[in-house]
Amino acid sequence: MNIMFAWGLGGTEVVLILVVVLILFGAKKIPELAKGLGTGIKEFKKATREVTDEIQNTTTDTPPATKPAANGQSPSAPAVSQSSNPPKA
């Protein structure tokens, strides 16, 4: 029976890699490495989710296009007050 894992690795290769990791890092360090890896993956997924939510909120919360003002000014132009007293110089 041939069991194939990711990237075309067989069962023997996976066991060999695990033995090498165990020899290099030791039995006490492997849980710490796995915890750090899990925390990193969790933070990456959270950041990805936040970016996706931000993009979706931006596309759904955009205000509709505004109509031009009745007096001919653009809607973003500041309003000019028309007072009867001109400024003194």
N, C-alpha and C. Protein backbone atom coordinates (compact mmCIF):
# COMPACT_ATOMS: atom_id res chain seq x y z
N MET A 1 0.84 -1.17 0.00
CA MET A 1 0.00 0.00 0.00
C MET A 1 0.89 1.24 0.00
N ASN A 2 0.69 2.11 -0.95
CA ASN A 2 1.46 3.34 -1.06
C ASN A 2 0.64 4.50 -0.53
N ILE A 3 1.09 5.11 0.56
CA ILE A 3 0.42 6.28 1.13
C ILE A 3 1.24 7.50 0.72
N MET A 4 0.57 8.45 0.03
CA MET A 4 1.25 9.66 -0.42
C MET A 4 0.73 10.85 0.36
N PHE A 5 1.64 11.70 0.82
CA PHE A 5 1.29 12.91 1.52
C PHE A 5 1.52 14.10 0.60
N ALA A 6 1.43 15.29 1.15
CA ALA A 6 1.61 16.52 0.37
C ALA A 6 2.97 16.52 -0.33
N TRP A 7 3.01 17.12 -1.50
CA TRP A 7 4.21 17.28 -2.31
C TRP A 7 4.81 15.94 -2.73
N GLY A 8 4.02 14.91 -2.79
CA GLY A 8 4.49 13.63 -3.29
C GLY A 8 5.37 12.87 -2.31
N LEU A 9 5.31 13.20 -1.01
CA LEU A 9 6.12 12.49 -0.03
C LEU A 9 5.40 11.20 0.38
N GLY A 10 6.15 10.15 0.49
CA GLY A 10 5.60 8.88 0.94
C GLY A 10 5.69 8.75 2.46
N GLY A 11 5.16 7.68 2.97
CA GLY A 11 5.16 7.44 4.42
C GLY A 11 6.56 7.35 5.01
N THR A 12 7.48 6.72 4.30
CA THR A 12 8.85 6.57 4.78
C THR A 12 9.54 7.93 4.89
N GLU A 13 9.33 8.78 3.90
CA GLU A 13 9.96 10.10 3.93
C GLU A 13 9.43 10.95 5.08
N VAL A 14 8.13 10.86 5.34
CA VAL A 14 7.54 11.63 6.43
C VAL A 14 8.10 11.17 7.77
N VAL A 15 8.20 9.87 7.97
CA VAL A 15 8.76 9.33 9.22
C VAL A 15 10.21 9.76 9.37
N LEU A 16 10.98 9.72 8.30
CA LEU A 16 12.37 10.13 8.34
C LEU A 16 12.50 11.62 8.72
N ILE A 17 11.65 12.46 8.15
CA ILE A 17 11.67 13.89 8.48
C ILE A 17 11.32 14.10 9.95
N LEU A 18 10.31 13.39 10.45
CA LEU A 18 9.94 13.52 11.86
C LEU A 18 11.06 13.08 12.80
N VAL A 19 11.78 12.03 12.45
CA VAL A 19 12.91 11.57 13.26
C VAL A 19 14.02 12.61 13.27
N VAL A 20 14.30 13.22 12.13
CA VAL A 20 15.34 14.25 12.05
C VAL A 20 14.94 15.46 12.89
N VAL A 21 13.68 15.87 12.82
CA VAL A 21 13.19 16.99 13.63
C VAL A 21 13.33 16.66 15.11
N LEU A 22 12.97 15.45 15.50
CA LEU A 22 13.08 15.03 16.90
C LEU A 22 14.53 15.06 17.37
N ILE A 23 15.45 14.63 16.53
CA ILE A 23 16.87 14.63 16.89
C ILE A 23 17.40 16.06 16.99
N LEU A 24 17.02 16.92 16.06
CA LEU A 24 17.54 18.29 16.05
C LEU A 24 17.00 19.13 17.22
N PHE A 25 15.73 19.04 17.47
CA PHE A 25 15.12 19.94 18.46
C PHE A 25 14.92 19.30 19.82
N GLY A 26 14.83 18.01 19.91
CA GLY A 26 14.60 17.35 21.18
C GLY A 26 13.12 17.29 21.52
N ALA A 27 12.78 16.37 22.39
CA ALA A 27 11.37 16.14 22.73
C ALA A 27 10.76 17.30 23.51
N LYS A 28 11.58 18.05 24.25
CA LYS A 28 11.03 19.15 25.06
C LYS A 28 10.73 20.39 24.23
N LYS A 29 11.44 20.60 23.15
CA LYS A 29 11.25 21.81 22.34
C LYS A 29 10.14 21.67 21.31
N ILE A 30 9.79 20.46 20.92
CA ILE A 30 8.78 20.27 19.87
C ILE A 30 7.42 20.85 20.28
N PRO A 31 6.91 20.63 21.51
CA PRO A 31 5.63 21.25 21.87
C PRO A 31 5.67 22.78 21.85
N GLU A 32 6.80 23.35 22.25
CA GLU A 32 6.94 24.81 22.20
C GLU A 32 6.92 25.31 20.75
N LEU A 33 7.60 24.60 19.86
CA LEU A 33 7.60 24.97 18.45
C LEU A 33 6.20 24.84 17.86
N ALA A 34 5.49 23.79 18.21
CA ALA A 34 4.14 23.59 17.70
C ALA A 34 3.20 24.67 18.22
N LYS A 35 3.37 25.05 19.49
CA LYS A 35 2.53 26.11 20.06
C LYS A 35 2.79 27.44 19.35
N GLY A 36 4.05 27.76 19.11
CA GLY A 36 4.39 28.98 18.39
C GLY A 36 3.86 28.97 16.97
N LEU A 37 3.95 27.82 16.31
CA LEU A 37 3.43 27.70 14.96
C LEU A 37 1.91 27.86 14.95
N GLY A 38 1.23 27.27 15.92
CA GLY A 38 -0.22 27.40 16.02
C GLY A 38 -0.64 28.83 16.28
N THR A 39 0.09 29.53 17.15
CA THR A 39 -0.21 30.93 17.44
C THR A 39 0.00 31.79 16.19
N GLY A 40 1.05 31.54 15.45
CA GLY A 40 1.30 32.28 14.23
C GLY A 40 0.21 32.06 13.19
N ILE A 41 -0.23 30.83 13.03
CA ILE A 41 -1.30 30.53 12.08
C ILE A 41 -2.59 31.20 12.51
N LYS A 42 -2.87 31.18 13.82
CA LYS A 42 -4.09 31.81 14.35
C LYS A 42 -4.08 33.31 14.08
N GLU A 43 -2.95 33.97 14.31
CA GLU A 43 -2.84 35.41 14.06
C GLU A 43 -2.95 35.72 12.57
N PHE A 44 -2.39 34.87 11.72
CA PHE A 44 -2.48 35.08 10.28
C PHE A 44 -3.92 34.97 9.81
N LYS A 45 -4.65 33.97 10.31
CA LYS A 45 -6.06 33.82 9.93
C LYS A 45 -6.88 35.01 10.41
N LYS A 46 -6.58 35.50 11.63
CA LYS A 46 -7.30 36.65 12.17
C LYS A 46 -7.05 37.88 11.31
N ALA A 47 -5.80 38.11 10.93
CA ALA A 47 -5.47 39.26 10.09
C ALA A 47 -6.14 39.14 8.73
N THR A 48 -6.15 37.95 8.16
CA THR A 48 -6.79 37.72 6.87
C THR A 48 -8.28 38.00 6.97
N ARG A 49 -8.90 37.54 8.05
CA ARG A 49 -10.34 37.76 8.25
C ARG A 49 -10.64 39.25 8.41
N GLU A 50 -9.78 39.98 9.14
CA GLU A 50 -9.99 41.40 9.33
C GLU A 50 -9.87 42.17 8.02
N VAL A 51 -8.90 41.81 7.20
CA VAL A 51 -8.73 42.47 5.91
C VAL A 51 -9.93 42.18 5.01
N THR A 52 -10.38 40.93 4.99
CA THR A 52 -11.54 40.56 4.18
C THR A 52 -12.78 41.32 4.64
N ASP A 53 -13.00 41.40 5.96
CA ASP A 53 -14.14 42.14 6.49
C ASP A 53 -14.04 43.62 6.13
N GLU A 54 -12.86 44.18 6.22
CA GLU A 54 -12.65 45.59 5.89
C GLU A 54 -12.98 45.86 4.42
N ILE A 55 -12.55 44.97 3.55
CA ILE A 55 -12.84 45.13 2.12
C ILE A 55 -14.35 45.03 1.87
N GLN A 56 -15.00 44.06 2.50
CA GLN A 56 -16.44 43.90 2.32
C GLN A 56 -17.20 45.09 2.88
N ASN A 57 -16.79 45.60 4.03
CA ASN A 57 -17.46 46.76 4.61
C ASN A 57 -17.26 48.00 3.75
N THR A 58 -16.11 48.14 3.16
CA THR A 58 -15.83 49.30 2.32
C THR A 58 -16.69 49.26 1.06
N THR A 59 -16.84 48.09 0.48
CA THR A 59 -17.63 48.00 -0.75
C THR A 59 -19.12 48.13 -0.48
N THR A 60 -19.60 47.74 0.69
CA THR A 60 -21.03 47.83 0.98
C THR A 60 -21.40 49.15 1.63
N ASP A 61 -20.48 49.86 2.25
CA ASP A 61 -20.79 51.09 2.95
C ASP A 61 -20.51 52.34 2.14
N THR A 62 -20.17 52.21 0.87
CA THR A 62 -19.89 53.41 0.09
C THR A 62 -21.18 54.17 -0.15
N PRO A 63 -21.18 55.47 0.09
CA PRO A 63 -22.40 56.24 -0.10
C PRO A 63 -22.74 56.36 -1.58
N PRO A 64 -24.02 56.52 -1.91
CA PRO A 64 -24.38 56.67 -3.31
C PRO A 64 -23.85 57.99 -3.85
N ALA A 65 -23.76 58.08 -5.15
CA ALA A 65 -23.26 59.30 -5.78
C ALA A 65 -24.19 60.46 -5.45
N THR A 66 -23.62 61.62 -5.12
CA THR A 66 -24.42 62.77 -4.75
C THR A 66 -24.81 63.55 -5.98
N LYS A 67 -25.96 64.19 -5.91
CA LYS A 67 -26.44 65.02 -7.02
C LYS A 67 -25.85 66.41 -6.87
N PRO A 68 -25.64 67.12 -7.98
CA PRO A 68 -25.13 68.49 -7.88
C PRO A 68 -26.14 69.38 -7.16
N ALA A 69 -25.65 70.39 -6.49
CA ALA A 69 -26.51 71.31 -5.76
C ALA A 69 -27.35 72.12 -6.73
N ALA A 70 -28.48 72.60 -6.26
CA ALA A 70 -29.40 73.34 -7.11
C ALA A 70 -28.82 74.68 -7.54
N ASN A 71 -27.94 75.27 -6.74
CA ASN A 71 -27.39 76.58 -7.08
C ASN A 71 -26.20 76.50 -8.03
N GLY A 72 -25.89 75.34 -8.53
CA GLY A 72 -24.82 75.20 -9.50
C GLY A 72 -23.46 74.90 -8.90
N GLN A 73 -23.34 74.92 -7.56
CA GLN A 73 -22.06 74.61 -6.92
C GLN A 73 -21.93 73.11 -6.77
N SER A 74 -20.71 72.66 -6.68
CA SER A 74 -20.50 71.24 -6.44
C SER A 74 -20.84 70.95 -4.98
N PRO A 75 -21.29 69.75 -4.67
CA PRO A 75 -21.68 69.43 -3.30
C PRO A 75 -20.53 69.51 -2.31
N SER A 76 -19.30 69.35 -2.76
CA SER A 76 -18.17 69.39 -1.84
C SER A 76 -17.62 70.80 -1.66
N ALA A 77 -18.11 71.77 -2.44
CA ALA A 77 -17.61 73.14 -2.32
C ALA A 77 -18.14 73.77 -1.05
N PRO A 78 -17.34 74.57 -0.38
CA PRO A 78 -17.81 75.19 0.86
C PRO A 78 -18.92 76.20 0.57
N ALA A 79 -19.85 76.25 1.48
CA ALA A 79 -20.95 77.19 1.31
C ALA A 79 -20.45 78.61 1.55
N VAL A 80 -20.90 79.54 0.72
CA VAL A 80 -20.51 80.94 0.84
C VAL A 80 -21.71 81.70 1.35
N SER A 81 -21.53 82.36 2.46
CA SER A 81 -22.65 83.13 3.00
C SER A 81 -22.79 84.43 2.24
N GLN A 82 -24.01 84.82 2.02
CA GLN A 82 -24.28 86.06 1.31
C GLN A 82 -24.81 87.08 2.31
N SER A 83 -23.91 87.73 3.01
CA SER A 83 -24.32 88.72 4.01
C SER A 83 -24.41 90.09 3.37
N SER A 84 -25.20 90.94 3.98
CA SER A 84 -25.37 92.30 3.43
C SER A 84 -24.21 93.20 3.81
N ASN A 85 -23.38 92.82 4.75
CA ASN A 85 -22.25 93.62 5.19
C ASN A 85 -20.96 93.08 4.57
N PRO A 86 -20.38 93.80 3.61
CA PRO A 86 -19.10 93.31 3.03
C PRO A 86 -17.97 93.49 4.05
N PRO A 87 -16.93 92.68 3.98
CA PRO A 87 -15.81 92.80 4.91
C PRO A 87 -15.06 94.10 4.69
N LYS A 88 -14.63 94.70 5.79
CA LYS A 88 -13.88 95.96 5.71
C LYS A 88 -12.41 95.68 5.61
N ALA A 89 -11.72 96.50 4.82
CA ALA A 89 -10.30 96.29 4.62
C ALA A 89 -9.47 97.15 5.53
